[in-house]
Amino acid sequence: MLYQAWAFVAPGLYEHEKKLALPLVIGSTVLFLTGVAVLLLLRLRQGVQLHPQFRAQVDQPGAGHRGLFQLRDHDVPRFGVTFEIPIVVIVLVRMGLVSLEKLRDARPTSSWGLSSSPRW
């Protein structure tokens, strides 16, 4: 499916846009899978351990793990897409729709006493 999408979009792109596409596809895939890993390793594991009522439903003989899979299937796209926010920001900056100055100004100040602008 990814190849078909690329074959449809590629003829309308400039060379510099084509060069940007490969890192974006790889980066977005890695970030999406990272979000899924966070969901699986942290949230579901803690959720099953912390909610005894939910665990009792899942552990009943003959009940299967339907409730657990519904929770995971429901949250996988949310976590994956949430972890792709850096890709969206990069694309918006490269398109010129958002400037780095606006992003710096919109960054909230930290309650830990850190400055809102980086010192690099």
N, C-alpha and C. Protein backbone atom coordinates (compact mmCIF):
# COMPACT_ATOMS: atom_id res chain seq x y z
N MET A 1 0.82 -1.19 0.00
CA MET A 1 0.00 0.00 0.00
C MET A 1 0.87 1.25 0.00
N LEU A 2 1.98 1.17 0.72
CA LEU A 2 2.87 2.33 0.76
C LEU A 2 3.44 2.62 -0.62
N TYR A 3 3.80 1.57 -1.36
CA TYR A 3 4.31 1.77 -2.71
C TYR A 3 3.25 2.38 -3.61
N GLN A 4 2.02 1.91 -3.52
CA GLN A 4 0.95 2.45 -4.35
C GLN A 4 0.72 3.93 -4.05
N ALA A 5 0.76 4.29 -2.77
CA ALA A 5 0.60 5.70 -2.39
C ALA A 5 1.76 6.53 -2.95
N TRP A 6 2.98 5.99 -2.85
CA TRP A 6 4.14 6.71 -3.38
C TRP A 6 4.05 6.84 -4.90
N ALA A 7 3.64 5.79 -5.60
CA ALA A 7 3.52 5.84 -7.05
C ALA A 7 2.48 6.87 -7.49
N PHE A 8 1.48 7.10 -6.67
CA PHE A 8 0.46 8.09 -7.00
C PHE A 8 0.95 9.52 -6.73
N VAL A 9 1.68 9.71 -5.63
CA VAL A 9 2.08 11.05 -5.20
C VAL A 9 3.38 11.50 -5.87
N ALA A 10 4.32 10.61 -6.09
CA ALA A 10 5.67 10.97 -6.55
C ALA A 10 5.70 11.80 -7.83
N PRO A 11 4.90 11.54 -8.85
CA PRO A 11 5.01 12.37 -10.06
C PRO A 11 4.71 13.85 -9.84
N GLY A 12 3.97 14.18 -8.81
CA GLY A 12 3.64 15.58 -8.56
C GLY A 12 4.59 16.30 -7.63
N LEU A 13 5.66 15.62 -7.20
CA LEU A 13 6.60 16.22 -6.26
C LEU A 13 7.84 16.74 -6.96
N TYR A 14 8.40 17.81 -6.40
CA TYR A 14 9.70 18.30 -6.86
C TYR A 14 10.79 17.39 -6.30
N GLU A 15 12.01 17.51 -6.82
CA GLU A 15 13.11 16.66 -6.38
C GLU A 15 13.41 16.84 -4.90
N HIS A 16 13.42 18.09 -4.43
CA HIS A 16 13.73 18.31 -3.02
C HIS A 16 12.63 17.75 -2.12
N GLU A 17 11.41 17.68 -2.60
CA GLU A 17 10.33 17.08 -1.83
C GLU A 17 10.47 15.55 -1.80
N LYS A 18 10.92 14.98 -2.90
CA LYS A 18 11.14 13.53 -2.92
C LYS A 18 12.25 13.12 -1.97
N LYS A 19 13.30 13.96 -1.87
CA LYS A 19 14.41 13.65 -0.97
C LYS A 19 13.98 13.73 0.49
N LEU A 20 13.00 14.56 0.78
CA LEU A 20 12.50 14.70 2.15
C LEU A 20 11.55 13.57 2.52
N ALA A 21 10.94 12.93 1.54
CA ALA A 21 9.90 11.93 1.81
C ALA A 21 10.45 10.68 2.49
N LEU A 22 11.59 10.16 2.06
CA LEU A 22 12.12 8.93 2.64
C LEU A 22 12.42 9.07 4.13
N PRO A 23 13.13 10.12 4.57
CA PRO A 23 13.33 10.26 6.02
C PRO A 23 12.02 10.43 6.79
N LEU A 24 11.05 11.09 6.19
CA LEU A 24 9.76 11.26 6.86
C LEU A 24 9.02 9.94 7.01
N VAL A 25 9.07 9.11 5.98
CA VAL A 25 8.39 7.81 6.06
C VAL A 25 9.07 6.93 7.09
N ILE A 26 10.39 6.88 7.08
CA ILE A 26 11.11 6.07 8.06
C ILE A 26 10.90 6.61 9.47
N GLY A 27 11.02 7.93 9.61
CA GLY A 27 10.83 8.54 10.93
C GLY A 27 9.44 8.34 11.48
N SER A 28 8.44 8.51 10.63
CA SER A 28 7.07 8.35 11.12
C SER A 28 6.78 6.89 11.47
N THR A 29 7.35 5.96 10.73
CA THR A 29 7.17 4.54 11.06
C THR A 29 7.81 4.21 12.40
N VAL A 30 9.02 4.68 12.61
CA VAL A 30 9.72 4.43 13.87
C VAL A 30 8.96 5.06 15.04
N LEU A 31 8.49 6.30 14.86
CA LEU A 31 7.76 6.96 15.94
C LEU A 31 6.42 6.27 16.22
N PHE A 32 5.73 5.83 15.19
CA PHE A 32 4.46 5.12 15.39
C PHE A 32 4.70 3.83 16.17
N LEU A 33 5.71 3.07 15.78
CA LEU A 33 6.01 1.82 16.48
C LEU A 33 6.48 2.07 17.91
N THR A 34 7.16 3.19 18.14
CA THR A 34 7.54 3.56 19.50
C THR A 34 6.31 3.83 20.35
N GLY A 35 5.34 4.52 19.78
CA GLY A 35 4.09 4.76 20.50
C GLY A 35 3.37 3.47 20.83
N VAL A 36 3.35 2.54 19.90
CA VAL A 36 2.72 1.24 20.15
C VAL A 36 3.48 0.49 21.24
N ALA A 37 4.80 0.56 21.22
CA ALA A 37 5.60 -0.11 22.25
C ALA A 37 5.32 0.48 23.62
N VAL A 38 5.21 1.79 23.70
CA VAL A 38 4.90 2.43 24.98
C VAL A 38 3.55 1.95 25.48
N LEU A 39 2.58 1.88 24.58
CA LEU A 39 1.26 1.39 24.97
C LEU A 39 1.33 -0.03 25.51
N LEU A 40 2.00 -0.90 24.78
CA LEU A 40 2.05 -2.30 25.16
C LEU A 40 2.86 -2.54 26.43
N LEU A 41 3.99 -1.88 26.53
CA LEU A 41 4.89 -2.16 27.65
C LEU A 41 4.49 -1.46 28.94
N LEU A 42 3.92 -0.29 28.84
CA LEU A 42 3.62 0.47 30.05
C LEU A 42 2.14 0.48 30.40
N ARG A 43 1.34 1.01 29.50
CA ARG A 43 -0.06 1.26 29.84
C ARG A 43 -0.86 -0.01 30.05
N LEU A 44 -0.78 -0.95 29.14
CA LEU A 44 -1.56 -2.17 29.30
C LEU A 44 -1.10 -3.01 30.48
N ARG A 45 0.21 -3.09 30.65
CA ARG A 45 0.74 -3.88 31.76
C ARG A 45 0.29 -3.30 33.09
N GLN A 46 0.39 -1.99 33.23
CA GLN A 46 -0.05 -1.33 34.47
C GLN A 46 -1.57 -1.38 34.60
N GLY A 47 -2.28 -1.23 33.50
CA GLY A 47 -3.73 -1.24 33.55
C GLY A 47 -4.28 -2.55 34.04
N VAL A 48 -3.73 -3.65 33.56
CA VAL A 48 -4.20 -4.97 33.99
C VAL A 48 -3.83 -5.21 35.44
N GLN A 49 -2.67 -4.75 35.87
CA GLN A 49 -2.25 -4.95 37.26
C GLN A 49 -3.01 -4.06 38.23
N LEU A 50 -3.37 -2.85 37.80
CA LEU A 50 -3.98 -1.89 38.72
C LEU A 50 -5.50 -2.00 38.81
N HIS A 51 -6.14 -2.62 37.88
CA HIS A 51 -7.59 -2.69 37.87
C HIS A 51 -8.05 -4.13 38.10
N PRO A 52 -8.29 -4.51 39.35
CA PRO A 52 -8.65 -5.90 39.63
C PRO A 52 -9.97 -6.32 39.00
N GLN A 53 -10.92 -5.39 38.85
CA GLN A 53 -12.20 -5.76 38.22
C GLN A 53 -11.97 -6.13 36.76
N PHE A 54 -11.16 -5.35 36.07
CA PHE A 54 -10.87 -5.65 34.67
C PHE A 54 -10.13 -6.97 34.56
N ARG A 55 -9.16 -7.17 35.47
CA ARG A 55 -8.39 -8.42 35.44
C ARG A 55 -9.29 -9.62 35.70
N ALA A 56 -10.26 -9.48 36.60
CA ALA A 56 -11.17 -10.58 36.89
C ALA A 56 -11.99 -10.94 35.66
N GLN A 57 -12.39 -9.94 34.88
CA GLN A 57 -13.15 -10.22 33.66
C GLN A 57 -12.29 -10.95 32.64
N VAL A 58 -11.05 -10.55 32.52
CA VAL A 58 -10.15 -11.15 31.53
C VAL A 58 -9.77 -12.57 31.93
N ASP A 59 -9.59 -12.82 33.24
CA ASP A 59 -9.10 -14.11 33.71
C ASP A 59 -10.19 -15.16 33.89
N GLN A 60 -11.43 -14.85 33.62
CA GLN A 60 -12.49 -15.84 33.78
C GLN A 60 -12.31 -16.95 32.76
N PRO A 61 -12.49 -18.20 33.19
CA PRO A 61 -12.38 -19.31 32.24
C PRO A 61 -13.43 -19.19 31.14
N GLY A 62 -13.01 -19.35 29.92
CA GLY A 62 -13.92 -19.31 28.79
C GLY A 62 -14.22 -17.91 28.29
N ALA A 63 -13.81 -16.90 29.02
CA ALA A 63 -14.10 -15.52 28.61
C ALA A 63 -13.12 -15.05 27.55
N GLY A 64 -11.97 -15.67 27.47
CA GLY A 64 -10.95 -15.24 26.52
C GLY A 64 -10.36 -13.91 26.96
N HIS A 65 -9.66 -13.29 26.07
CA HIS A 65 -9.04 -12.01 26.37
C HIS A 65 -9.65 -10.91 25.51
N ARG A 66 -10.93 -11.04 25.24
CA ARG A 66 -11.60 -10.09 24.36
C ARG A 66 -11.51 -8.66 24.89
N GLY A 67 -11.74 -8.45 26.18
CA GLY A 67 -11.68 -7.10 26.75
C GLY A 67 -10.30 -6.49 26.63
N LEU A 68 -9.28 -7.27 26.85
CA LEU A 68 -7.91 -6.78 26.74
C LEU A 68 -7.58 -6.38 25.31
N PHE A 69 -7.98 -7.21 24.34
CA PHE A 69 -7.68 -6.88 22.95
C PHE A 69 -8.47 -5.67 22.48
N GLN A 70 -9.70 -5.50 22.94
CA GLN A 70 -10.47 -4.32 22.55
C GLN A 70 -9.79 -3.06 23.07
N LEU A 71 -9.28 -3.10 24.26
CA LEU A 71 -8.58 -1.94 24.81
C LEU A 71 -7.34 -1.64 23.98
N ARG A 72 -6.57 -2.67 23.65
CA ARG A 72 -5.35 -2.45 22.89
C ARG A 72 -5.66 -1.96 21.48
N ASP A 73 -6.61 -2.60 20.80
CA ASP A 73 -6.94 -2.19 19.44
C ASP A 73 -7.49 -0.78 19.39
N HIS A 74 -8.17 -0.39 20.44
CA HIS A 74 -8.75 0.95 20.48
C HIS A 74 -7.67 2.01 20.69
N ASP A 75 -6.64 1.71 21.45
CA ASP A 75 -5.63 2.70 21.81
C ASP A 75 -4.40 2.71 20.91
N VAL A 76 -4.18 1.67 20.13
CA VAL A 76 -2.99 1.61 19.28
C VAL A 76 -2.91 2.80 18.33
N PRO A 77 -3.96 3.11 17.57
CA PRO A 77 -3.84 4.27 16.67
C PRO A 77 -3.62 5.58 17.43
N ARG A 78 -4.24 5.72 18.58
CA ARG A 78 -4.07 6.95 19.35
C ARG A 78 -2.63 7.15 19.79
N PHE A 79 -2.03 6.12 20.36
CA PHE A 79 -0.65 6.24 20.82
C PHE A 79 0.30 6.43 19.64
N GLY A 80 0.10 5.67 18.57
CA GLY A 80 0.98 5.78 17.42
C GLY A 80 0.95 7.16 16.80
N VAL A 81 -0.24 7.71 16.61
CA VAL A 81 -0.37 9.03 15.99
C VAL A 81 0.14 10.12 16.94
N THR A 82 -0.07 9.95 18.22
CA THR A 82 0.43 10.93 19.18
C THR A 82 1.94 11.04 19.12
N PHE A 83 2.61 9.94 18.94
CA PHE A 83 4.07 9.96 18.87
C PHE A 83 4.58 10.53 17.55
N GLU A 84 3.71 10.77 16.59
CA GLU A 84 4.12 11.35 15.31
C GLU A 84 4.00 12.87 15.27
N ILE A 85 3.69 13.49 16.38
CA ILE A 85 3.58 14.94 16.42
C ILE A 85 4.88 15.62 15.97
N PRO A 86 6.08 15.14 16.33
CA PRO A 86 7.29 15.79 15.81
C PRO A 86 7.36 15.80 14.28
N ILE A 87 6.87 14.76 13.63
CA ILE A 87 6.87 14.73 12.16
C ILE A 87 5.95 15.82 11.62
N VAL A 88 4.79 15.97 12.24
CA VAL A 88 3.84 17.01 11.80
C VAL A 88 4.46 18.39 11.96
N VAL A 89 5.14 18.63 13.07
CA VAL A 89 5.78 19.92 13.31
C VAL A 89 6.87 20.18 12.27
N ILE A 90 7.67 19.16 11.97
CA ILE A 90 8.73 19.32 10.96
C ILE A 90 8.13 19.68 9.61
N VAL A 91 7.07 18.99 9.21
CA VAL A 91 6.44 19.27 7.92
C VAL A 91 5.87 20.69 7.89
N LEU A 92 5.22 21.10 8.97
CA LEU A 92 4.65 22.45 9.01
C LEU A 92 5.73 23.52 8.93
N VAL A 93 6.86 23.30 9.58
CA VAL A 93 7.96 24.26 9.52
C VAL A 93 8.56 24.29 8.12
N ARG A 94 8.76 23.11 7.53
CA ARG A 94 9.35 23.05 6.18
C ARG A 94 8.44 23.68 5.13
N MET A 95 7.11 23.58 5.34
CA MET A 95 6.16 24.18 4.40
C MET A 95 6.04 25.69 4.63
N GLY A 96 6.57 26.18 5.73
CA GLY A 96 6.50 27.60 6.01
C GLY A 96 5.20 28.03 6.67
N LEU A 97 4.38 27.10 7.09
CA LEU A 97 3.12 27.44 7.73
C LEU A 97 3.31 27.86 9.18
N VAL A 98 4.39 27.40 9.81
CA VAL A 98 4.72 27.74 11.18
C VAL A 98 6.19 28.09 11.23
N SER A 99 6.53 29.14 11.95
CA SER A 99 7.94 29.51 12.07
C SER A 99 8.49 28.99 13.40
N LEU A 100 9.80 28.84 13.44
CA LEU A 100 10.43 28.39 14.68
C LEU A 100 10.24 29.40 15.79
N GLU A 101 10.20 30.68 15.45
CA GLU A 101 9.97 31.72 16.46
C GLU A 101 8.59 31.56 17.10
N LYS A 102 7.57 31.27 16.29
CA LYS A 102 6.23 31.06 16.84
C LYS A 102 6.18 29.84 17.75
N LEU A 103 6.91 28.80 17.37
CA LEU A 103 6.95 27.60 18.22
C LEU A 103 7.64 27.89 19.54
N ARG A 104 8.73 28.68 19.49
CA ARG A 104 9.43 29.04 20.74
C ARG A 104 8.53 29.90 21.63
N ASP A 105 7.84 30.84 21.02
CA ASP A 105 6.96 31.71 21.81
C ASP A 105 5.78 30.96 22.40
N ALA A 106 5.30 29.93 21.72
CA ALA A 106 4.15 29.18 22.18
C ALA A 106 4.51 28.14 23.24
N ARG A 107 5.79 27.86 23.41
CA ARG A 107 6.21 26.86 24.38
C ARG A 107 5.92 27.36 25.79
N PRO A 108 5.24 26.57 26.59
CA PRO A 108 4.94 27.03 27.96
C PRO A 108 6.19 27.04 28.82
N THR A 109 6.18 27.91 29.81
CA THR A 109 7.30 27.93 30.74
C THR A 109 7.15 26.77 31.70
N SER A 110 8.25 26.25 32.12
CA SER A 110 8.25 25.08 32.99
C SER A 110 8.02 25.49 34.44
N SER A 111 7.35 24.65 35.18
CA SER A 111 7.15 24.90 36.60
C SER A 111 8.36 24.45 37.41
N TRP A 112 9.37 23.89 36.77
CA TRP A 112 10.56 23.42 37.47
C TRP A 112 11.67 24.46 37.47
N GLY A 113 11.36 25.67 37.02
CA GLY A 113 12.36 26.72 37.03
C GLY A 113 13.26 26.73 35.82
N LEU A 114 12.96 25.96 34.81
CA LEU A 114 13.76 25.97 33.59
C LEU A 114 13.26 27.06 32.68
N SER A 115 14.15 27.63 31.90
CA SER A 115 13.72 28.66 30.96
C SER A 115 12.96 28.02 29.80
N SER A 116 12.12 28.82 29.15
CA SER A 116 11.31 28.29 28.06
C SER A 116 12.09 28.21 26.76
N SER A 117 13.24 28.88 26.69
CA SER A 117 14.02 28.81 25.46
C SER A 117 15.30 28.03 25.71
N PRO A 118 15.68 27.20 24.76
CA PRO A 118 16.91 26.42 24.94
C PRO A 118 18.14 27.30 24.88
N ARG A 119 19.21 26.85 25.49
CA ARG A 119 20.44 27.64 25.56
C ARG A 119 21.48 27.20 24.55
N TRP A 120 21.10 26.45 23.55
CA TRP A 120 22.11 25.99 22.60
C TRP A 120 22.31 26.96 21.55
